[in-house]
């Protein structure tokens, strides 16, 4: 996954009104690329399938498709993909944390609260 810097080539008045775009423009390109590449292959696959499902995906060997849309609908599609990616990233972190905690608990089981200390 690579960050597309042409994303910033929007209308100048729109950029001035959008604090997030201003913030992104201030970041070093390597930082943005590293963040874009941090998504796991599983997340990239889910987002790809989600976008293909939204846009419609016919087999390329049988169909020659061209999809047209307006700027607002494309922006909504990209926003949806970004939110999906954020959500999936958080869920992946949660899953990894639960697995780590589960492994830690299996290594160091807590004594049962019903067990009484012997004198």
PDB file of N, CA and C in Angstrom:
ATOM      1  N   UNK A   1       0.856  -1.157   0.000  1.00  0.00           N
ATOM      2  CA  UNK A   1       0.000   0.000   0.000  1.00  0.00           C
ATOM      3  C   UNK A   1       0.908   1.228   0.000  1.00  0.00           C
ATOM      4  N   UNK A   2       0.686   2.142  -0.907  1.00  0.00           N
ATOM      5  CA  UNK A   2       1.518   3.332  -1.033  1.00  0.00           C
ATOM      6  C   UNK A   2       0.626   4.560  -0.936  1.00  0.00           C
ATOM      7  N   UNK A   3       1.093   5.577  -0.243  1.00  0.00           N
ATOM      8  CA  UNK A   3       0.338   6.812  -0.131  1.00  0.00           C
ATOM      9  C   UNK A   3       0.435   7.584  -1.437  1.00  0.00           C
ATOM     10  N   UNK A   4      -0.691   8.041  -1.948  1.00  0.00           N
ATOM     11  CA  UNK A   4      -0.742   8.771  -3.202  1.00  0.00           C
ATOM     12  C   UNK A   4      -0.685  10.275  -2.913  1.00  0.00           C
ATOM     13  N   UNK A   5       0.428  10.908  -3.242  1.00  0.00           N
ATOM     14  CA  UNK A   5       0.586  12.323  -2.943  1.00  0.00           C
ATOM     15  C   UNK A   5      -0.230  13.213  -3.869  1.00  0.00           C
ATOM     16  N   UNK A   6      -0.768  12.671  -4.960  1.00  0.00           N
ATOM     17  CA  UNK A   6      -1.668  13.436  -5.813  1.00  0.00           C
ATOM     18  C   UNK A   6      -2.978  13.739  -5.097  1.00  0.00           C
ATOM     19  N   UNK A   7      -3.197  13.071  -3.976  1.00  0.00           N
ATOM     20  CA  UNK A   7      -4.375  13.324  -3.173  1.00  0.00           C
ATOM     21  C   UNK A   7      -4.459  14.793  -2.777  1.00  0.00           C
ATOM     22  N   UNK A   8      -3.322  15.438  -2.630  1.00  0.00           N
ATOM     23  CA  UNK A   8      -3.287  16.831  -2.201  1.00  0.00           C
ATOM     24  C   UNK A   8      -3.560  17.805  -3.338  1.00  0.00           C
ATOM     25  N   UNK A   9      -3.751  17.316  -4.552  1.00  0.00           N
ATOM     26  CA  UNK A   9      -3.947  18.194  -5.705  1.00  0.00           C
ATOM     27  C   UNK A   9      -5.411  18.598  -5.851  1.00  0.00           C
ATOM     28  N   UNK A  10      -6.063  18.915  -4.739  1.00  0.00           N
ATOM     29  CA  UNK A  10      -7.454  19.350  -4.793  1.00  0.00           C
ATOM     30  C   UNK A  10      -7.512  20.868  -4.896  1.00  0.00           C
ATOM     31  N   UNK A  11      -8.715  21.382  -4.908  1.00  0.00           N
ATOM     32  CA  UNK A  11      -8.906  22.830  -5.026  1.00  0.00           C
ATOM     33  C   UNK A  11      -8.242  23.546  -3.843  1.00  0.00           C
ATOM     34  N   UNK A  12      -7.501  24.636  -4.093  1.00  0.00           N
ATOM     35  CA  UNK A  12      -6.811  25.337  -2.999  1.00  0.00           C
ATOM     36  C   UNK A  12      -7.768  25.834  -1.917  1.00  0.00           C
ATOM     37  N   UNK A  13      -8.956  26.304  -2.290  1.00  0.00           N
ATOM     38  CA  UNK A  13      -9.887  26.799  -1.266  1.00  0.00           C
ATOM     39  C   UNK A  13     -10.401  25.657  -0.397  1.00  0.00           C
ATOM     40  N   UNK A  14     -10.497  24.451  -0.958  1.00  0.00           N
ATOM     41  CA  UNK A  14     -10.908  23.297  -0.161  1.00  0.00           C
ATOM     42  C   UNK A  14      -9.803  22.913   0.818  1.00  0.00           C
ATOM     43  N   UNK A  15      -8.559  23.012   0.390  1.00  0.00           N
ATOM     44  CA  UNK A  15      -7.439  22.673   1.261  1.00  0.00           C
ATOM     45  C   UNK A  15      -7.372  23.634   2.439  1.00  0.00           C
ATOM     46  N   UNK A  16      -7.602  24.929   2.194  1.00  0.00           N
ATOM     47  CA  UNK A  16      -7.536  25.907   3.271  1.00  0.00           C
ATOM     48  C   UNK A  16      -8.616  25.665   4.312  1.00  0.00           C
ATOM     49  N   UNK A  17      -9.765  25.135   3.903  1.00  0.00           N
ATOM     50  CA  UNK A  17     -10.869  24.902   4.823  1.00  0.00           C
ATOM     51  C   UNK A  17     -10.736  23.574   5.550  1.00  0.00           C
ATOM     52  N   UNK A  18      -9.816  22.709   5.154  1.00  0.00           N
ATOM     53  CA  UNK A  18      -9.699  21.383   5.733  1.00  0.00           C
ATOM     54  C   UNK A  18      -8.430  21.281   6.566  1.00  0.00           C
ATOM     55  N   UNK A  19      -8.598  21.272   7.877  1.00  0.00           N
ATOM     56  CA  UNK A  19      -7.446  21.240   8.783  1.00  0.00           C
ATOM     57  C   UNK A  19      -6.666  19.934   8.656  1.00  0.00           C
ATOM     58  N   UNK A  20      -7.349  18.833   8.348  1.00  0.00           N
ATOM     59  CA  UNK A  20      -6.649  17.556   8.215  1.00  0.00           C
ATOM     60  C   UNK A  20      -5.711  17.570   7.018  1.00  0.00           C
ATOM     61  N   UNK A  21      -6.165  18.107   5.883  1.00  0.00           N
ATOM     62  CA  UNK A  21      -5.292  18.195   4.708  1.00  0.00           C
ATOM     63  C   UNK A  21      -4.097  19.092   5.013  1.00  0.00           C
ATOM     64  N   UNK A  22      -4.331  20.194   5.711  1.00  0.00           N
ATOM     65  CA  UNK A  22      -3.216  21.083   6.084  1.00  0.00           C
ATOM     66  C   UNK A  22      -2.209  20.331   6.945  1.00  0.00           C
ATOM     67  N   UNK A  23      -2.709  19.542   7.897  1.00  0.00           N
ATOM     68  CA  UNK A  23      -1.828  18.762   8.761  1.00  0.00           C
ATOM     69  C   UNK A  23      -1.034  17.738   7.953  1.00  0.00           C
ATOM     70  N   UNK A  24      -1.714  17.027   7.052  1.00  0.00           N
ATOM     71  CA  UNK A  24      -1.043  16.014   6.230  1.00  0.00           C
ATOM     72  C   UNK A  24       0.030  16.639   5.346  1.00  0.00           C
ATOM     73  N   UNK A  25      -0.235  17.835   4.831  1.00  0.00           N
ATOM     74  CA  UNK A  25       0.744  18.506   3.980  1.00  0.00           C
ATOM     75  C   UNK A  25       2.004  18.879   4.750  1.00  0.00           C
ATOM     76  N   UNK A  26       1.895  19.038   6.054  1.00  0.00           N
ATOM     77  CA  UNK A  26       3.047  19.400   6.875  1.00  0.00           C
ATOM     78  C   UNK A  26       3.907  18.192   7.241  1.00  0.00           C
ATOM     79  N   UNK A  27       3.397  16.994   6.986  1.00  0.00           N
ATOM     80  CA  UNK A  27       4.125  15.779   7.357  1.00  0.00           C
ATOM     81  C   UNK A  27       5.159  15.427   6.287  1.00  0.00           C
ATOM     82  N   UNK A  28       6.221  14.788   6.719  1.00  0.00           N
ATOM     83  CA  UNK A  28       7.264  14.346   5.802  1.00  0.00           C
ATOM     84  C   UNK A  28       6.713  13.204   4.959  1.00  0.00           C
ATOM     85  N   UNK A  29       6.995  13.164   3.661  1.00  0.00           N
ATOM     86  CA  UNK A  29       6.468  12.095   2.797  1.00  0.00           C
ATOM     87  C   UNK A  29       6.797  10.684   3.286  1.00  0.00           C
ATOM     88  N   UNK A  30       7.979  10.502   3.861  1.00  0.00           N
ATOM     89  CA  UNK A  30       8.343   9.171   4.360  1.00  0.00           C
ATOM     90  C   UNK A  30       7.436   8.743   5.508  1.00  0.00           C
ATOM     91  N   UNK A  31       7.009   9.691   6.330  1.00  0.00           N
ATOM     92  CA  UNK A  31       6.104   9.388   7.436  1.00  0.00           C
ATOM     93  C   UNK A  31       4.774   8.893   6.901  1.00  0.00           C
ATOM     94  N   UNK A  32       4.223   9.583   5.910  1.00  0.00           N
ATOM     95  CA  UNK A  32       2.941   9.189   5.330  1.00  0.00           C
ATOM     96  C   UNK A  32       3.033   7.834   4.640  1.00  0.00           C
ATOM     97  N   UNK A  33       4.140   7.591   3.951  1.00  0.00           N
ATOM     98  CA  UNK A  33       4.328   6.308   3.284  1.00  0.00           C
ATOM     99  C   UNK A  33       4.419   5.186   4.299  1.00  0.00           C
ATOM    100  N   UNK A  34       5.153   5.406   5.394  1.00  0.00           N
ATOM    101  CA  UNK A  34       5.310   4.391   6.438  1.00  0.00           C
ATOM    102  C   UNK A  34       3.954   4.064   7.076  1.00  0.00           C
ATOM    103  N   UNK A  35       3.146   5.078   7.312  1.00  0.00           N
ATOM    104  CA  UNK A  35       1.822   4.854   7.895  1.00  0.00           C
ATOM    105  C   UNK A  35       0.950   4.064   6.925  1.00  0.00           C
ATOM    106  N   UNK A  36       0.979   4.438   5.648  1.00  0.00           N
ATOM    107  CA  UNK A  36       0.167   3.739   4.647  1.00  0.00           C
ATOM    108  C   UNK A  36       0.590   2.279   4.521  1.00  0.00           C
ATOM    109  N   UNK A  37       1.869   1.997   4.684  1.00  0.00           N
ATOM    110  CA  UNK A  37       2.371   0.629   4.549  1.00  0.00           C
ATOM    111  C   UNK A  37       2.182  -0.192   5.815  1.00  0.00           C
ATOM    112  N   UNK A  38       1.755   0.449   6.908  1.00  0.00           N
ATOM    113  CA  UNK A  38       1.650  -0.268   8.178  1.00  0.00           C
ATOM    114  C   UNK A  38       0.430  -1.184   8.241  1.00  0.00           C
ATOM    115  N   UNK A  39      -0.501  -1.035   7.314  1.00  0.00           N
ATOM    116  CA  UNK A  39      -1.674  -1.922   7.308  1.00  0.00           C
ATOM    117  C   UNK A  39      -1.238  -3.333   6.939  1.00  0.00           C
ATOM    118  N   UNK A  40      -1.738  -4.289   7.690  1.00  0.00           N
ATOM    119  CA  UNK A  40      -1.377  -5.681   7.427  1.00  0.00           C
ATOM    120  C   UNK A  40      -1.982  -6.142   6.101  1.00  0.00           C
ATOM    121  N   UNK A  41      -1.426  -7.202   5.525  1.00  0.00           N
ATOM    122  CA  UNK A  41      -2.013  -7.735   4.282  1.00  0.00           C
ATOM    123  C   UNK A  41      -3.480  -8.124   4.444  1.00  0.00           C
ATOM    124  N   UNK A  42      -3.846  -8.591   5.638  1.00  0.00           N
ATOM    125  CA  UNK A  42      -5.237  -8.961   5.886  1.00  0.00           C
ATOM    126  C   UNK A  42      -6.150  -7.744   5.789  1.00  0.00           C
ATOM    127  N   UNK A  43      -5.740  -6.627   6.378  1.00  0.00           N
ATOM    128  CA  UNK A  43      -6.536  -5.407   6.322  1.00  0.00           C
ATOM    129  C   UNK A  43      -6.605  -4.896   4.891  1.00  0.00           C
ATOM    130  N   UNK A  44      -5.493  -4.916   4.183  1.00  0.00           N
ATOM    131  CA  UNK A  44      -5.492  -4.474   2.791  1.00  0.00           C
ATOM    132  C   UNK A  44      -6.455  -5.311   1.958  1.00  0.00           C
ATOM    133  N   UNK A  45      -6.480  -6.623   2.196  1.00  0.00           N
ATOM    134  CA  UNK A  45      -7.377  -7.505   1.449  1.00  0.00           C
ATOM    135  C   UNK A  45      -8.841  -7.189   1.757  1.00  0.00           C
ATOM    136  N   UNK A  46      -9.174  -6.968   3.023  1.00  0.00           N
ATOM    137  CA  UNK A  46     -10.554  -6.664   3.397  1.00  0.00           C
ATOM    138  C   UNK A  46     -11.001  -5.345   2.781  1.00  0.00           C
ATOM    139  N   UNK A  47     -10.138  -4.332   2.820  1.00  0.00           N
ATOM    140  CA  UNK A  47     -10.496  -3.037   2.239  1.00  0.00           C
ATOM    141  C   UNK A  47     -10.668  -3.174   0.734  1.00  0.00           C
ATOM    142  N   UNK A  48      -9.782  -3.917   0.084  1.00  0.00           N
ATOM    143  CA  UNK A  48      -9.910  -4.135  -1.362  1.00  0.00           C
ATOM    144  C   UNK A  48     -11.233  -4.797  -1.685  1.00  0.00           C
ATOM    145  N   UNK A  49     -11.580  -5.835  -0.942  1.00  0.00           N
ATOM    146  CA  UNK A  49     -12.842  -6.527  -1.182  1.00  0.00           C
ATOM    147  C   UNK A  49     -14.035  -5.620  -0.910  1.00  0.00           C
ATOM    148  N   UNK A  50     -13.928  -4.780   0.121  1.00  0.00           N
ATOM    149  CA  UNK A  50     -15.013  -3.859   0.454  1.00  0.00           C
ATOM    150  C   UNK A  50     -15.234  -2.849  -0.671  1.00  0.00           C
ATOM    151  N   UNK A  51     -14.154  -2.262  -1.149  1.00  0.00           N
ATOM    152  CA  UNK A  51     -14.274  -1.272  -2.230  1.00  0.00           C
ATOM    153  C   UNK A  51     -14.787  -1.941  -3.499  1.00  0.00           C
ATOM    154  N   UNK A  52     -14.270  -3.123  -3.809  1.00  0.00           N
ATOM    155  CA  UNK A  52     -14.751  -3.843  -4.985  1.00  0.00           C
ATOM    156  C   UNK A  52     -16.234  -4.169  -4.856  1.00  0.00           C
ATOM    157  N   UNK A  53     -16.664  -4.501  -3.660  1.00  0.00           N
ATOM    158  CA  UNK A  53     -18.077  -4.773  -3.439  1.00  0.00           C
ATOM    159  C   UNK A  53     -18.935  -3.532  -3.615  1.00  0.00           C
ATOM    160  N   UNK A  54     -18.419  -2.389  -3.177  1.00  0.00           N
ATOM    161  CA  UNK A  54     -19.167  -1.140  -3.320  1.00  0.00           C
ATOM    162  C   UNK A  54     -19.224  -0.684  -4.767  1.00  0.00           C
ATOM    163  N   UNK A  55     -18.124  -0.822  -5.471  1.00  0.00           N
ATOM    164  CA  UNK A  55     -18.038  -0.345  -6.851  1.00  0.00           C
ATOM    165  C   UNK A  55     -18.615  -1.373  -7.810  1.00  0.00           C
ATOM    166  N   UNK A  56     -18.446  -2.613  -7.484  1.00  0.00           N
ATOM    167  CA  UNK A  56     -18.871  -3.693  -8.377  1.00  0.00           C
ATOM    168  C   UNK A  56     -17.651  -4.226  -9.099  1.00  0.00           C
ATOM    169  N   UNK A  57     -17.495  -5.505  -9.072  1.00  0.00           N
ATOM    170  CA  UNK A  57     -16.303  -6.087  -9.670  1.00  0.00           C
ATOM    171  C   UNK A  57     -16.706  -7.238 -10.559  1.00  0.00           C
ATOM    172  N   UNK A  58     -16.535  -7.075 -11.830  1.00  0.00           N
ATOM    173  CA  UNK A  58     -16.776  -8.143 -12.782  1.00  0.00           C
ATOM    174  C   UNK A  58     -15.435  -8.687 -13.242  1.00  0.00           C
ATOM    175  N   UNK A  59     -15.379  -9.948 -13.628  1.00  0.00           N
ATOM    176  CA  UNK A  59     -14.104 -10.524 -14.079  1.00  0.00           C
ATOM    177  C   UNK A  59     -13.534  -9.735 -15.256  1.00  0.00           C
ATOM    178  N   UNK A  60     -12.294  -9.288 -15.140  1.00  0.00           N
ATOM    179  CA  UNK A  60     -11.676  -8.456 -16.173  1.00  0.00           C
ATOM    180  C   UNK A  60     -11.478  -9.200 -17.484  1.00  0.00           C
ATOM    181  N   UNK A  61     -11.364 -10.535 -17.424  1.00  0.00           N
ATOM    182  CA  UNK A  61     -11.161 -11.280 -18.662  1.00  0.00           C
ATOM    183  C   UNK A  61     -12.435 -11.342 -19.507  1.00  0.00           C
ATOM    184  N   UNK A  62     -13.593 -11.134 -18.885  1.00  0.00           N
ATOM    185  CA  UNK A  62     -14.855 -11.196 -19.608  1.00  0.00           C
ATOM    186  C   UNK A  62     -15.496  -9.830 -19.878  1.00  0.00           C
ATOM    187  N   UNK A  63     -15.095  -8.827 -19.119  1.00  0.00           N
ATOM    188  CA  UNK A  63     -15.743  -7.522 -19.206  1.00  0.00           C
ATOM    189  C   UNK A  63     -14.704  -6.407 -19.252  1.00  0.00           C
ATOM    190  N   UNK A  64     -15.010  -5.387 -20.011  1.00  0.00           N
ATOM    191  CA  UNK A  64     -14.194  -4.177 -20.024  1.00  0.00           C
ATOM    192  C   UNK A  64     -15.041  -3.089 -19.377  1.00  0.00           C
ATOM    193  N   UNK A  65     -14.766  -2.824 -18.097  1.00  0.00           N
ATOM    194  CA  UNK A  65     -15.599  -1.908 -17.331  1.00  0.00           C
ATOM    195  C   UNK A  65     -14.937  -0.550 -17.194  1.00  0.00           C
ATOM    196  N   UNK A  66     -15.773   0.469 -17.191  1.00  0.00           N
ATOM    197  CA  UNK A  66     -15.352   1.823 -16.849  1.00  0.00           C
ATOM    198  C   UNK A  66     -16.355   2.354 -15.846  1.00  0.00           C
ATOM    199  N   UNK A  67     -15.863   2.851 -14.740  1.00  0.00           N
ATOM    200  CA  UNK A  67     -16.734   3.365 -13.687  1.00  0.00           C
ATOM    201  C   UNK A  67     -16.568   4.871 -13.653  1.00  0.00           C
ATOM    202  N   UNK A  68     -17.666   5.570 -13.680  1.00  0.00           N
ATOM    203  CA  UNK A  68     -17.620   7.027 -13.585  1.00  0.00           C
ATOM    204  C   UNK A  68     -18.419   7.459 -12.363  1.00  0.00           C
ATOM    205  N   UNK A  69     -17.976   8.523 -11.757  1.00  0.00           N
ATOM    206  CA  UNK A  69     -18.658   9.075 -10.594  1.00  0.00           C
ATOM    207  C   UNK A  69     -18.296  10.544 -10.488  1.00  0.00           C
ATOM    208  N   UNK A  70     -18.946  11.235  -9.592  1.00  0.00           N
ATOM    209  CA  UNK A  70     -18.571  12.623  -9.365  1.00  0.00           C
ATOM    210  C   UNK A  70     -17.621  12.702  -8.173  1.00  0.00           C
ATOM    211  N   UNK A  71     -17.086  13.860  -7.962  1.00  0.00           N
ATOM    212  CA  UNK A  71     -16.062  14.062  -6.940  1.00  0.00           C
ATOM    213  C   UNK A  71     -16.586  13.746  -5.539  1.00  0.00           C
ATOM    214  N   UNK A  72     -17.814  14.143  -5.264  1.00  0.00           N
ATOM    215  CA  UNK A  72     -18.382  13.938  -3.933  1.00  0.00           C
ATOM    216  C   UNK A  72     -18.565  12.451  -3.626  1.00  0.00           C
ATOM    217  N   UNK A  73     -19.081  11.699  -4.588  1.00  0.00           N
ATOM    218  CA  UNK A  73     -19.257  10.267  -4.363  1.00  0.00           C
ATOM    219  C   UNK A  73     -17.918   9.554  -4.220  1.00  0.00           C
ATOM    220  N   UNK A  74     -16.918   9.966  -4.989  1.00  0.00           N
ATOM    221  CA  UNK A  74     -15.591   9.373  -4.849  1.00  0.00           C
ATOM    222  C   UNK A  74     -15.008   9.699  -3.475  1.00  0.00           C
ATOM    223  N   UNK A  75     -15.196  10.929  -3.031  1.00  0.00           N
ATOM    224  CA  UNK A  75     -14.714  11.319  -1.701  1.00  0.00           C
ATOM    225  C   UNK A  75     -15.389  10.484  -0.621  1.00  0.00           C
ATOM    226  N   UNK A  76     -16.681  10.221  -0.775  1.00  0.00           N
ATOM    227  CA  UNK A  76     -17.389   9.386   0.200  1.00  0.00           C
ATOM    228  C   UNK A  76     -16.860   7.959   0.193  1.00  0.00           C
ATOM    229  N   UNK A  77     -16.556   7.441  -0.988  1.00  0.00           N
ATOM    230  CA  UNK A  77     -15.992   6.098  -1.088  1.00  0.00           C
ATOM    231  C   UNK A  77     -14.632   6.034  -0.404  1.00  0.00           C
ATOM    232  N   UNK A  78     -13.798   7.037  -0.636  1.00  0.00           N
ATOM    233  CA  UNK A  78     -12.477   7.060   0.001  1.00  0.00           C
ATOM    234  C   UNK A  78     -12.598   7.211   1.514  1.00  0.00           C
ATOM    235  N   UNK A  79     -13.523   8.051   1.964  1.00  0.00           N
ATOM    236  CA  UNK A  79     -13.732   8.218   3.409  1.00  0.00           C
ATOM    237  C   UNK A  79     -14.188   6.905   4.029  1.00  0.00           C
ATOM    238  N   UNK A  80     -15.068   6.191   3.335  1.00  0.00           N
ATOM    239  CA  UNK A  80     -15.523   4.887   3.825  1.00  0.00           C
ATOM    240  C   UNK A  80     -14.363   3.911   3.927  1.00  0.00           C
ATOM    241  N   UNK A  81     -13.516   3.889   2.917  1.00  0.00           N
ATOM    242  CA  UNK A  81     -12.357   2.987   2.938  1.00  0.00           C
ATOM    243  C   UNK A  81     -11.408   3.350   4.073  1.00  0.00           C
ATOM    244  N   UNK A  82     -11.219   4.643   4.310  1.00  0.00           N
ATOM    245  CA  UNK A  82     -10.334   5.069   5.395  1.00  0.00           C
ATOM    246  C   UNK A  82     -10.901   4.671   6.753  1.00  0.00           C
ATOM    247  N   UNK A  83     -12.201   4.885   6.949  1.00  0.00           N
ATOM    248  CA  UNK A  83     -12.812   4.524   8.226  1.00  0.00           C
ATOM    249  C   UNK A  83     -12.794   3.006   8.427  1.00  0.00           C
ATOM    250  N   UNK A  84     -13.021   2.268   7.362  1.00  0.00           N
ATOM    251  CA  UNK A  84     -12.943   0.810   7.443  1.00  0.00           C
ATOM    252  C   UNK A  84     -11.529   0.389   7.841  1.00  0.00           C
ATOM    253  N   UNK A  85     -10.527   1.000   7.222  1.00  0.00           N
ATOM    254  CA  UNK A  85      -9.144   0.686   7.561  1.00  0.00           C
ATOM    255  C   UNK A  85      -8.817   1.005   9.006  1.00  0.00           C
ATOM    256  N   UNK A  86      -9.287   2.151   9.487  1.00  0.00           N
ATOM    257  CA  UNK A  86      -9.045   2.529  10.883  1.00  0.00           C
ATOM    258  C   UNK A  86      -9.706   1.521  11.818  1.00  0.00           C
ATOM    259  N   UNK A  87     -10.967   1.203  11.548  1.00  0.00           N
ATOM    260  CA  UNK A  87     -11.701   0.250  12.375  1.00  0.00           C
ATOM    261  C   UNK A  87     -11.009  -1.111  12.387  1.00  0.00           C
ATOM    262  N   UNK A  88     -10.639  -1.598  11.210  1.00  0.00           N
ATOM    263  CA  UNK A  88      -9.986  -2.903  11.125  1.00  0.00           C
ATOM    264  C   UNK A  88      -8.641  -2.898  11.838  1.00  0.00           C
ATOM    265  N   UNK A  89      -7.907  -1.795  11.734  1.00  0.00           N
ATOM    266  CA  UNK A  89      -6.628  -1.691  12.439  1.00  0.00           C
ATOM    267  C   UNK A  89      -6.808  -1.783  13.944  1.00  0.00           C
ATOM    268  N   UNK A  90      -7.848  -1.107  14.455  1.00  0.00           N
ATOM    269  CA  UNK A  90      -8.128  -1.164  15.887  1.00  0.00           C
ATOM    270  C   UNK A  90      -8.551  -2.576  16.310  1.00  0.00           C
ATOM    271  N   UNK A  91      -9.357  -3.224  15.477  1.00  0.00           N
ATOM    272  CA  UNK A  91      -9.789  -4.583  15.801  1.00  0.00           C
ATOM    273  C   UNK A  91      -8.612  -5.563  15.746  1.00  0.00           C
ATOM    274  N   UNK A  92      -7.703  -5.358  14.802  1.00  0.00           N
ATOM    275  CA  UNK A  92      -6.521  -6.217  14.717  1.00  0.00           C
ATOM    276  C   UNK A  92      -5.653  -6.042  15.963  1.00  0.00           C
ATOM    277  N   UNK A  93      -5.483  -4.802  16.419  1.00  0.00           N
ATOM    278  CA  UNK A  93      -4.713  -4.562  17.635  1.00  0.00           C
ATOM    279  C   UNK A  93      -5.375  -5.218  18.841  1.00  0.00           C
ATOM    280  N   UNK A  94      -6.707  -5.103  18.908  1.00  0.00           N
ATOM    281  CA  UNK A  94      -7.432  -5.718  20.024  1.00  0.00           C
ATOM    282  C   UNK A  94      -7.260  -7.237  20.008  1.00  0.00           C
ATOM    283  N   UNK A  95      -7.388  -7.851  18.827  1.00  0.00           N
ATOM    284  CA  UNK A  95      -7.217  -9.307  18.711  1.00  0.00           C
ATOM    285  C   UNK A  95      -5.822  -9.711  19.171  1.00  0.00           C
ATOM    286  N   UNK A  96      -4.804  -8.981  18.709  1.00  0.00           N
ATOM    287  CA  UNK A  96      -3.423  -9.299  19.089  1.00  0.00           C
ATOM    288  C   UNK A  96      -3.214  -9.149  20.593  1.00  0.00           C
ATOM    289  N   UNK A  97      -3.823  -8.122  21.188  1.00  0.00           N
ATOM    290  CA  UNK A  97      -3.713  -7.913  22.628  1.00  0.00           C
ATOM    291  C   UNK A  97      -4.388  -9.052  23.388  1.00  0.00           C
ATOM    292  N   UNK A  98      -5.576  -9.465  22.933  1.00  0.00           N
ATOM    293  CA  UNK A  98      -6.268 -10.573  23.590  1.00  0.00           C
ATOM    294  C   UNK A  98      -5.465 -11.872  23.494  1.00  0.00           C
ATOM    295  N   UNK A  99      -4.859 -12.117  22.337  1.00  0.00           N
ATOM    296  CA  UNK A  99      -4.037 -13.323  22.175  1.00  0.00           C
ATOM    297  C   UNK A  99      -2.835 -13.258  23.108  1.00  0.00           C
ATOM    298  N   UNK A 100      -2.199 -12.107  23.178  1.00  0.00           N
ATOM    299  CA  UNK A 100      -1.035 -11.941  24.056  1.00  0.00           C
ATOM    300  C   UNK A 100      -1.430 -12.142  25.514  1.00  0.00           C
ATOM    301  N   UNK A 101      -2.543 -11.537  25.925  1.00  0.00           N
ATOM    302  CA  UNK A 101      -2.993 -11.698  27.313  1.00  0.00           C
ATOM    303  C   UNK A 101      -3.384 -13.137  27.602  1.00  0.00           C
ATOM    304  N   UNK A 102      -4.003 -13.789  26.650  1.00  0.00           N
ATOM    305  CA  UNK A 102      -4.383 -15.193  26.823  1.00  0.00           C
ATOM    306  C   UNK A 102      -3.142 -16.063  26.993  1.00  0.00           C
ATOM    307  N   UNK A 103      -2.117 -15.802  26.204  1.00  0.00           N
ATOM    308  CA  UNK A 103      -0.867 -16.564  26.311  1.00  0.00           C
ATOM    309  C   UNK A 103      -0.184 -16.297  27.643  1.00  0.00           C
ATOM    310  N   UNK A 104      -0.234 -15.070  28.111  1.00  0.00           N
ATOM    311  CA  UNK A 104       0.378 -14.717  29.391  1.00  0.00           C
ATOM    312  C   UNK A 104      -0.351 -15.407  30.531  1.00  0.00           C
ATOM    313  N   UNK A 105      -1.682 -15.431  30.474  1.00  0.00           N
ATOM    314  CA  UNK A 105      -2.460 -16.079  31.531  1.00  0.00           C
ATOM    315  C   UNK A 105      -2.216 -17.582  31.557  1.00  0.00           C
ATOM    316  N   UNK A 106      -2.008 -18.191  30.390  1.00  0.00           N
ATOM    317  CA  UNK A 106      -1.756 -19.634  30.373  1.00  0.00           C
ATOM    318  C   UNK A 106      -0.376 -19.963  30.935  1.00  0.00           C
ATOM    319  N   UNK A 107       0.559 -19.020  30.862  1.00  0.00           N
ATOM    320  CA  UNK A 107       1.889 -19.240  31.430  1.00  0.00           C
ATOM    321  C   UNK A 107       1.905 -19.029  32.940  1.00  0.00           C
ATOM    322  N   UNK A 108       1.072 -18.094  33.421  1.00  0.00           N
ATOM    323  CA  UNK A 108       1.034 -17.729  34.841  1.00  0.00           C
ATOM    324  C   UNK A 108      -0.405 -17.772  35.336  1.00  0.00           C
ATOM    325  N   UNK A 109      -0.953 -18.956  35.536  1.00  0.00           N
ATOM    326  CA  UNK A 109      -2.350 -19.029  35.983  1.00  0.00           C
ATOM    327  C   UNK A 109      -2.494 -18.454  37.382  1.00  0.00           C
ATOM    328  N   UNK A 110      -3.587 -17.726  37.605  1.00  0.00           N
ATOM    329  CA  UNK A 110      -3.881 -17.177  38.929  1.00  0.00           C
ATOM    330  C   UNK A 110      -4.462 -18.285  39.798  1.00  0.00           C
ATOM    331  N   UNK A 111      -4.108 -18.286  41.075  1.00  0.00           N
ATOM    332  CA  UNK A 111      -4.719 -19.283  41.961  1.00  0.00           C
ATOM    333  C   UNK A 111      -6.224 -19.049  42.048  1.00  0.00           C
ATOM    334  N   UNK A 112      -6.965 -20.129  42.206  1.00  0.00           N
ATOM    335  CA  UNK A 112      -8.411 -20.035  42.284  1.00  0.00           C
ATOM    336  C   UNK A 112      -8.796 -19.250  43.523  1.00  0.00           C
ATOM    337  N   UNK A 113      -9.785 -18.352  43.416  1.00  0.00           N
ATOM    338  CA  UNK A 113     -10.184 -17.574  44.605  1.00  0.00           C
ATOM    339  C   UNK A 113     -10.840 -18.456  45.671  1.00  0.00           C
ATOM    340  N   UNK A 114     -11.299 -19.658  45.313  1.00  0.00           N
ATOM    341  CA  UNK A 114     -11.934 -20.558  46.272  1.00  0.00           C
ATOM    342  C   UNK A 114     -10.923 -21.353  47.089  1.00  0.00           C
ATOM    343  N   UNK A 115      -9.659 -21.365  46.628  1.00  0.00           N
ATOM    344  CA  UNK A 115      -8.631 -22.105  47.340  1.00  0.00           C
ATOM    345  C   UNK A 115      -8.207 -21.326  48.581  1.00  0.00           C
ATOM    346  N   UNK A 116      -8.152 -22.008  49.713  1.00  0.00           N
ATOM    347  CA  UNK A 116      -7.730 -21.367  50.940  1.00  0.00           C
ATOM    348  C   UNK A 116      -6.289 -21.746  51.237  1.00  0.00           C
ATOM    349  N   UNK A 117      -5.574 -20.810  51.791  1.00  0.00           N
ATOM    350  CA  UNK A 117      -4.177 -21.072  52.154  1.00  0.00           C
ATOM    351  C   UNK A 117      -4.135 -22.088  53.282  1.00  0.00           C
ATOM    352  N   UNK A 118      -3.191 -23.043  53.206  1.00  0.00           N
ATOM    353  CA  UNK A 118      -3.033 -24.059  54.254  1.00  0.00           C
ATOM    354  C   UNK A 118      -2.069 -23.522  55.295  1.00  0.00           C
ATOM    355  N   UNK A 119      -2.434 -23.786  56.565  1.00  0.00           N
ATOM    356  CA  UNK A 119      -1.576 -23.330  57.672  1.00  0.00           C
ATOM    357  C   UNK A 119      -0.515 -24.299  57.973  1.00  0.00           C
TER     358      UNK A 119
END
